[in-house]
Amino acid sequence: MSALAELRDAHVVHRARSGGLLSRDRVYALTGADLVVAAGETVGVVGESGCGKSTLARVLVGVERPTAGTVAFRGRDLWTMPDGERRAAVGTGVGMVFQDPSTALNRRLTVRRILRDPLDVHRRGTREEREARVVELLSLVGLPRALADALPGQLSGGQRQRVAIARALALDPALLVADEPTSALDVSVRAQILNLLLDLRERLGLAMVFVSHDIQTVRRMSDRVITMYLGRIVEEAPAGRVTDSARHPYTRALFSATPGLLHPIDPIPLTGPVPSATRPPSGCPFRTRCWRADEVCAAVLPDFSAASAPGHRYRCHHPVEEDLPTRDLVRQSRPREP
C-alpha cells in the first residue's frame, strides 16, 4: 500500500516560562517521530496523558508545524507548499475529530451551518448540492434530517460527536484523525461511536489514526499500534501482538492496567512519577520507572530493534521475551522480598 501521510524525524519543542520572567524552559513535546500511514490503514496511538499523542496528531494533519523534521501528505512536504496549497491539501484530504464535541462545535451555529461550512470554504458544488450533501452527511452518521436546524446545545453528547464526525467527512477526506473521540462521552455511548467509526472506515475506505489512552480500544480499532512515552515512539506492532507479544515493558504495563472481565490480571507496577518533558532522563526515557533498567539504559538511548513478526519494532535494551504471558511478567516486575 502506498504512503498517504508520513512523518520523518519530527520534533516539536515549545518554550515555557520557568521561575523568572526572562527564563524559559524547553518542553520536548515530540522527539524523533517516524510514522507512515498507508491508504486504508488504521494506526492506533496509545500512551499516558502528556506522552505526545495529541501533538503527533496535530503535526500529522498540519495544524502544528514541527520544530524539525518533515511532514508529507501524498508524497509532498506540507511545509514546503505555499500556504494556500497546503490549506487546500490538508482541508480536503484530512479530517479531524476532536476529544470534546461540546467545545469543537460552534454553539451559535445550527447543525446545517456547521456541516456546510467546509463546503462553503472550499467552494464545493452549487448551493443545492451543498444542501443535499448536508442531508447525506446526517444520514451517513445516523442522525435524522430533522436535527439539521438544531443547535449543538440541544443535542446529546453522542449526537454532537456524530455531527463532528460528519463535519470531518464533509469533503471526502482520505485520512481521518480521531483524537480521543470517546473520552468525553458516557460509557453507554462510546461503543456506538466506535462502531460508527469502524463502519465508516469500511464503507468509505478511510485511512485512520486513532488516538487513545485505552490500549484495549486501540487494539480493537487498529491494524497497527504505536506506543508513545515522553514524546517518543517506543514500540510499533501489529494490533494482534500487543497483548502477549509486545516487547517493550511500557507497552506491557499499559495493557496490564486495563482489567479484563473474564480473566482479571494484576497490573504491572510502575514506580515513581512520569518525568518532566522539560528535563527528560538521559538514555532511555522510560528507565526511571522500569524494573528492568540498568546502567546501560541510563547511558545510551536504544535504537529500534526488529521483532520476529514483520512490522514489529521496539526501543529497549532489555525487552520482554516474546509470547511471555503478562501474568508471569507481573511476577517478575514485583520487588523481591528480603
Protein backbone atom coordinates (compact mmCIF):
# COMPACT_ATOMS: atom_id res chain seq x y z
CA MET A 1 0.00 0.00 0.00
CA SER A 2 1.22 3.50 -0.80
CA ALA A 3 2.03 6.02 1.93
CA LEU A 4 -0.75 8.54 2.46
CA ALA A 5 0.80 10.52 5.33
CA GLU A 6 4.33 10.35 6.64
CA LEU A 7 6.43 11.83 9.46
CA ARG A 8 10.22 11.74 9.30
CA ASP A 9 12.31 12.58 12.39
CA ALA A 10 9.64 15.05 13.56
CA HIS A 11 10.41 17.15 16.65
CA VAL A 12 8.20 19.63 18.50
CA VAL A 13 9.86 21.83 21.13
CA HIS A 14 7.90 24.50 23.00
CA ARG A 15 9.17 27.37 25.09
CA ALA A 16 7.67 27.55 28.58
CA ARG A 17 8.22 30.06 31.33
CA SER A 18 10.06 28.79 34.37
CA GLY A 19 10.90 30.75 37.51
CA GLY A 20 11.75 34.19 36.11
CA LEU A 21 10.19 36.49 33.56
CA LEU A 22 13.06 36.14 31.12
CA SER A 23 13.95 32.49 31.67
CA ARG A 24 12.22 29.83 29.60
CA ASP A 25 12.42 26.07 29.68
CA ARG A 26 12.20 23.91 26.59
CA VAL A 27 9.33 21.41 26.56
CA TYR A 28 10.14 18.41 24.38
CA ALA A 29 6.61 17.52 23.25
CA LEU A 30 7.67 15.27 20.36
CA THR A 31 11.12 13.80 19.70
CA GLY A 32 12.31 12.00 16.58
CA ALA A 33 8.92 10.64 15.49
CA ASP A 34 8.84 8.45 12.37
CA LEU A 35 5.44 7.27 11.18
CA VAL A 36 3.90 6.13 7.90
CA VAL A 37 0.14 5.80 7.42
CA ALA A 38 -0.84 3.79 4.35
CA ALA A 39 -4.05 4.25 2.39
CA GLY A 40 -6.90 2.33 4.02
CA GLU A 41 -4.89 1.52 7.16
CA THR A 42 -5.83 2.30 10.77
CA VAL A 43 -2.95 3.21 13.09
CA GLY A 44 -3.63 3.40 16.81
CA VAL A 45 -1.59 5.68 19.06
CA VAL A 46 -1.56 4.87 22.77
CA GLY A 47 0.15 6.17 25.89
CA GLU A 48 -0.40 8.02 29.16
CA SER A 49 -1.61 11.61 29.31
CA GLY A 50 1.14 14.01 28.25
CA CYS A 51 3.09 11.44 26.22
CA GLY A 52 2.74 13.38 22.94
CA LYS A 53 -0.20 11.59 21.31
CA SER A 54 -2.19 14.73 20.52
CA THR A 55 0.94 16.59 19.42
CA LEU A 56 1.68 13.77 16.98
CA ALA A 57 -1.88 14.01 15.62
CA ARG A 58 -1.72 17.80 15.19
CA VAL A 59 1.61 17.59 13.39
CA LEU A 60 0.33 14.83 11.14
CA VAL A 61 -2.64 16.91 9.94
CA GLY A 62 -0.64 20.12 9.51
CA VAL A 63 -2.28 22.01 12.38
CA GLU A 64 1.08 22.35 14.15
CA ARG A 65 4.38 22.88 12.39
CA PRO A 66 7.22 20.68 13.64
CA THR A 67 10.33 22.35 15.03
CA ALA A 68 12.38 19.96 12.92
CA GLY A 69 11.71 17.06 10.57
CA THR A 70 9.26 16.64 7.69
CA VAL A 71 5.53 16.01 7.30
CA ALA A 72 4.38 14.68 3.95
CA PHE A 73 0.90 14.09 2.55
CA ARG A 74 0.58 12.05 -0.63
CA GLY A 75 4.35 12.30 -1.04
CA ARG A 76 4.62 16.11 -0.78
CA ASP A 77 6.15 18.01 2.13
CA LEU A 78 3.36 20.08 3.68
CA TRP A 79 5.62 22.85 4.93
CA THR A 80 7.35 23.50 1.62
CA MET A 81 3.98 24.10 -0.08
CA PRO A 82 2.61 27.65 -0.49
CA ASP A 83 0.14 28.49 2.29
CA GLY A 84 -2.94 28.29 0.08
CA GLU A 85 -1.93 24.98 -1.43
CA ARG A 86 -1.20 23.50 1.99
CA ARG A 87 -4.59 24.62 3.34
CA ALA A 88 -6.33 23.07 0.34
CA ALA A 89 -4.38 19.80 0.60
CA VAL A 90 -5.00 19.39 4.33
CA GLY A 91 -8.53 20.80 4.31
CA THR A 92 -9.78 18.45 1.61
CA GLY A 93 -7.57 15.43 2.24
CA VAL A 94 -7.64 15.13 6.04
CA GLY A 95 -10.49 15.26 8.55
CA MET A 96 -10.04 15.54 12.32
CA VAL A 97 -12.35 14.57 15.17
CA PHE A 98 -11.50 16.20 18.48
CA GLN A 99 -11.88 14.93 22.02
CA ASP A 100 -14.76 17.07 23.30
CA PRO A 101 -17.60 17.78 20.83
CA SER A 102 -19.10 20.41 23.13
CA THR A 103 -16.08 22.67 22.54
CA ALA A 104 -15.27 21.54 18.99
CA LEU A 105 -18.59 22.79 17.59
CA ASN A 106 -19.68 26.43 17.39
CA ARG A 107 -22.59 26.73 19.81
CA ARG A 108 -24.18 29.57 17.82
CA LEU A 109 -24.39 27.72 14.52
CA THR A 110 -27.02 25.19 13.56
CA VAL A 111 -26.01 21.69 12.53
CA ARG A 112 -26.78 22.65 8.94
CA ARG A 113 -24.36 25.59 9.06
CA ILE A 114 -21.68 23.51 10.78
CA LEU A 115 -21.80 20.83 8.08
CA ARG A 116 -22.00 23.35 5.24
CA ASP A 117 -19.04 25.36 6.47
CA PRO A 118 -16.28 23.14 4.93
CA LEU A 119 -18.23 23.01 1.66
CA ASP A 120 -18.60 26.80 1.60
CA VAL A 121 -14.94 27.46 2.45
CA HIS A 122 -13.66 25.15 -0.28
CA ARG A 123 -16.47 26.09 -2.70
CA ARG A 124 -17.71 22.57 -3.28
CA GLY A 125 -20.68 22.37 -5.64
CA THR A 126 -23.70 24.63 -6.05
CA ARG A 127 -25.95 25.81 -3.21
CA GLU A 128 -28.38 22.98 -3.91
CA GLU A 129 -25.60 20.41 -4.00
CA ARG A 130 -24.26 21.63 -0.65
CA GLU A 131 -27.70 21.32 0.93
CA ALA A 132 -28.00 17.80 -0.46
CA ARG A 133 -24.57 16.96 0.95
CA VAL A 134 -25.68 18.10 4.43
CA VAL A 135 -28.60 15.67 4.30
CA GLU A 136 -26.29 12.92 3.05
CA LEU A 137 -23.81 13.53 5.87
CA LEU A 138 -26.54 13.37 8.53
CA SER A 139 -27.68 10.04 7.15
CA LEU A 140 -24.08 8.80 6.96
CA VAL A 141 -23.58 9.23 10.72
CA GLY A 142 -27.04 8.00 11.71
CA LEU A 143 -28.75 11.30 12.54
CA PRO A 144 -32.29 12.26 11.45
CA ARG A 145 -32.74 15.08 8.95
CA ALA A 146 -34.86 16.99 11.49
CA LEU A 147 -31.72 17.78 13.52
CA ALA A 148 -30.29 19.96 10.74
CA ASP A 149 -31.77 23.10 12.30
CA ALA A 150 -30.82 22.23 15.89
CA LEU A 151 -28.06 23.95 17.85
CA PRO A 152 -25.26 21.86 19.43
CA GLY A 153 -26.61 22.66 22.89
CA GLN A 154 -29.86 20.91 22.00
CA LEU A 155 -28.10 17.64 21.21
CA SER A 156 -26.80 14.86 23.42
CA GLY A 157 -23.06 14.25 23.71
CA GLY A 158 -23.21 11.30 21.34
CA GLN A 159 -25.22 13.29 18.77
CA ARG A 160 -22.71 16.15 18.95
CA GLN A 161 -19.84 13.77 18.29
CA ARG A 162 -21.72 12.34 15.30
CA VAL A 163 -22.05 15.88 13.95
CA ALA A 164 -18.30 16.41 14.49
CA ILE A 165 -17.57 13.19 12.58
CA ALA A 166 -19.90 14.26 9.77
CA ARG A 167 -18.13 17.62 9.53
CA ALA A 168 -14.75 15.87 9.34
CA LEU A 169 -16.06 13.77 6.43
CA ALA A 170 -17.74 16.62 4.55
CA LEU A 171 -15.05 16.89 1.85
CA ASP A 172 -14.47 13.15 1.41
CA PRO A 173 -11.00 13.03 3.04
CA ALA A 174 -8.69 10.08 2.54
CA LEU A 175 -7.43 10.26 6.16
CA LEU A 176 -9.44 10.69 9.37
CA VAL A 177 -7.58 11.53 12.59
CA ALA A 178 -9.59 10.85 15.76
CA ASP A 179 -8.04 12.31 18.91
CA GLU A 180 -9.63 10.61 21.96
CA PRO A 181 -13.07 10.72 20.25
CA THR A 182 -14.93 8.89 23.02
CA SER A 183 -13.25 10.03 26.25
CA ALA A 184 -15.79 12.86 26.86
CA LEU A 185 -18.81 10.60 26.28
CA ASP A 186 -20.91 8.41 28.55
CA VAL A 187 -19.86 4.78 28.69
CA SER A 188 -23.12 3.67 27.07
CA VAL A 189 -22.45 5.91 24.04
CA ARG A 190 -18.77 5.10 23.50
CA ALA A 191 -19.37 1.72 21.85
CA GLN A 192 -21.86 3.32 19.43
CA ILE A 193 -19.32 5.91 18.28
CA LEU A 194 -16.55 3.31 17.96
CA ASN A 195 -18.83 1.07 15.89
CA LEU A 196 -19.75 4.05 13.72
CA LEU A 197 -16.08 4.80 13.04
CA LEU A 198 -15.41 1.16 12.15
CA ASP A 199 -18.40 1.15 9.79
CA LEU A 200 -17.33 4.40 8.12
CA ARG A 201 -13.80 3.10 7.67
CA GLU A 202 -15.10 0.07 5.79
CA ARG A 203 -17.76 1.91 3.75
CA LEU A 204 -15.57 4.84 2.72
CA GLY A 205 -12.18 3.13 2.52
CA LEU A 206 -10.70 5.61 5.01
CA ALA A 207 -7.24 5.58 6.47
CA MET A 208 -7.45 6.43 10.15
CA VAL A 209 -5.21 7.48 13.01
CA PHE A 210 -6.96 6.65 16.28
CA VAL A 211 -5.50 8.27 19.41
CA SER A 212 -6.43 6.97 22.85
CA HIS A 213 -5.03 6.15 26.28
CA ASP A 214 -7.09 2.93 26.31
CA ILE A 215 -4.93 0.20 24.77
CA GLN A 216 -7.84 -2.28 24.59
CA THR A 217 -9.90 0.12 22.46
CA VAL A 218 -6.90 0.92 20.28
CA ARG A 219 -6.24 -2.78 19.72
CA ARG A 220 -9.83 -3.31 18.61
CA MET A 221 -9.87 -0.33 16.24
CA SER A 222 -6.43 -0.62 14.67
CA ASP A 223 -4.32 -2.61 12.25
CA ARG A 224 -1.12 -1.35 13.88
CA VAL A 225 -0.43 0.15 17.33
CA ILE A 226 2.12 2.86 18.18
CA THR A 227 3.14 3.20 21.84
CA MET A 228 4.43 6.62 22.95
CA TYR A 229 6.27 7.63 26.09
CA LEU A 230 7.51 11.12 26.96
CA GLY A 231 7.29 12.36 23.36
CA ARG A 232 8.95 9.33 21.77
CA ILE A 233 7.62 6.34 19.86
CA VAL A 234 8.94 3.36 21.84
CA GLU A 235 7.15 0.49 20.08
CA GLU A 236 5.27 -0.20 16.87
CA ALA A 237 3.46 -3.52 16.49
CA PRO A 238 0.60 -5.25 14.67
CA ALA A 239 -2.54 -4.86 16.79
CA GLY A 240 -2.82 -8.58 17.43
CA ARG A 241 0.61 -8.68 19.10
CA VAL A 242 0.19 -6.02 21.80
CA THR A 243 -1.46 -8.43 24.25
CA ASP A 244 1.23 -11.02 24.92
CA SER A 245 3.89 -10.33 22.29
CA ALA A 246 4.75 -6.67 22.90
CA ARG A 247 8.48 -6.38 23.64
CA HIS A 248 8.67 -3.01 25.42
CA PRO A 249 7.97 -3.15 29.18
CA TYR A 250 5.90 0.06 28.99
CA THR A 251 3.51 -1.41 26.41
CA ARG A 252 3.03 -4.46 28.60
CA ALA A 253 2.40 -2.25 31.63
CA LEU A 254 -0.26 -0.27 29.75
CA PHE A 255 -2.05 -3.45 28.74
CA SER A 256 -1.95 -4.87 32.27
CA ALA A 257 -3.53 -1.68 33.65
CA THR A 258 -6.74 -2.43 31.70
CA PRO A 259 -8.61 -5.09 33.70
CA GLY A 260 -10.28 -7.99 31.90
CA LEU A 261 -13.76 -9.08 32.93
CA LEU A 262 -13.25 -12.79 32.28
CA HIS A 263 -9.56 -13.15 33.03
CA PRO A 264 -8.54 -10.43 35.50
CA ILE A 265 -4.82 -9.81 35.89
CA ASP A 266 -2.75 -7.81 38.34
CA PRO A 267 -1.33 -4.59 36.91
CA ILE A 268 2.40 -4.29 36.40
CA PRO A 269 3.57 -1.67 38.92
CA LEU A 270 5.31 1.43 37.59
CA THR A 271 7.18 3.17 40.39
CA GLY A 272 7.61 6.93 40.51
CA PRO A 273 6.04 9.79 38.57
CA VAL A 274 6.31 10.44 34.84
CA PRO A 275 9.49 12.51 34.27
CA SER A 276 9.23 16.14 33.21
CA ALA A 277 9.21 16.84 29.47
CA THR A 278 11.43 19.86 30.17
CA ARG A 279 14.20 17.68 31.61
CA PRO A 280 13.82 14.17 30.19
CA PRO A 281 16.06 11.44 31.61
CA SER A 282 19.31 10.51 29.91
CA GLY A 283 19.37 7.36 27.84
CA CYS A 284 16.06 5.51 27.69
CA PRO A 285 13.24 7.87 28.77
CA PHE A 286 11.36 5.02 30.49
CA ARG A 287 14.28 3.85 32.62
CA THR A 288 13.28 5.83 35.74
CA ARG A 289 10.08 3.74 36.07
CA CYS A 290 11.25 0.45 34.58
CA TRP A 291 12.03 -2.60 36.74
CA ARG A 292 14.42 -3.93 34.07
CA ALA A 293 16.62 -0.81 33.79
CA ASP A 294 20.35 -0.80 34.48
CA GLU A 295 23.41 1.41 33.85
CA VAL A 296 23.26 0.88 30.09
CA CYS A 297 19.70 2.23 30.00
CA ALA A 298 20.86 5.41 31.75
CA ALA A 299 23.79 5.95 29.40
CA VAL A 300 22.51 5.13 25.91
CA LEU A 301 19.22 5.70 24.10
CA PRO A 302 18.34 2.35 22.48
CA ASP A 303 17.90 2.17 18.73
CA PHE A 304 14.92 0.44 17.18
CA SER A 305 15.20 -3.35 17.07
CA ALA A 306 13.06 -5.64 14.93
CA ALA A 307 10.92 -8.36 16.49
CA SER A 308 10.27 -11.69 14.78
CA ALA A 309 6.96 -10.54 13.22
CA PRO A 310 7.02 -8.17 10.22
CA GLY A 311 6.20 -4.58 11.10
CA HIS A 312 7.06 -5.02 14.80
CA ARG A 313 9.87 -2.87 16.24
CA TYR A 314 10.75 -1.51 19.67
CA ARG A 315 13.30 0.65 21.51
CA CYS A 316 14.57 -1.18 24.57
CA HIS A 317 17.89 -2.55 25.83
CA HIS A 318 16.17 -5.29 27.85
CA PRO A 319 12.96 -6.21 26.02
CA VAL A 320 10.34 -8.59 27.34
CA GLU A 321 10.52 -12.11 25.93
CA GLU A 322 8.15 -12.74 23.04
CA ASP A 323 4.91 -14.54 23.96
CA LEU A 324 5.64 -14.28 27.68
CA PRO A 325 2.23 -14.25 29.44
CA THR A 326 1.51 -10.96 31.17
CA ARG A 327 0.80 -12.75 34.47
CA ASP A 328 4.41 -14.03 34.51
CA LEU A 329 5.70 -10.57 33.71
CA VAL A 330 3.71 -9.16 36.66
CA ARG A 331 5.52 -11.56 38.99
CA GLN A 332 8.89 -10.59 37.53
CA SER A 333 8.19 -6.88 37.99
CA ARG A 334 7.40 -7.16 41.71
CA PRO A 335 10.25 -6.29 44.07
CA ARG A 336 11.79 -9.26 45.81
CA GLU A 337 11.06 -9.66 49.49
CA PRO A 338 14.12 -9.63 51.79
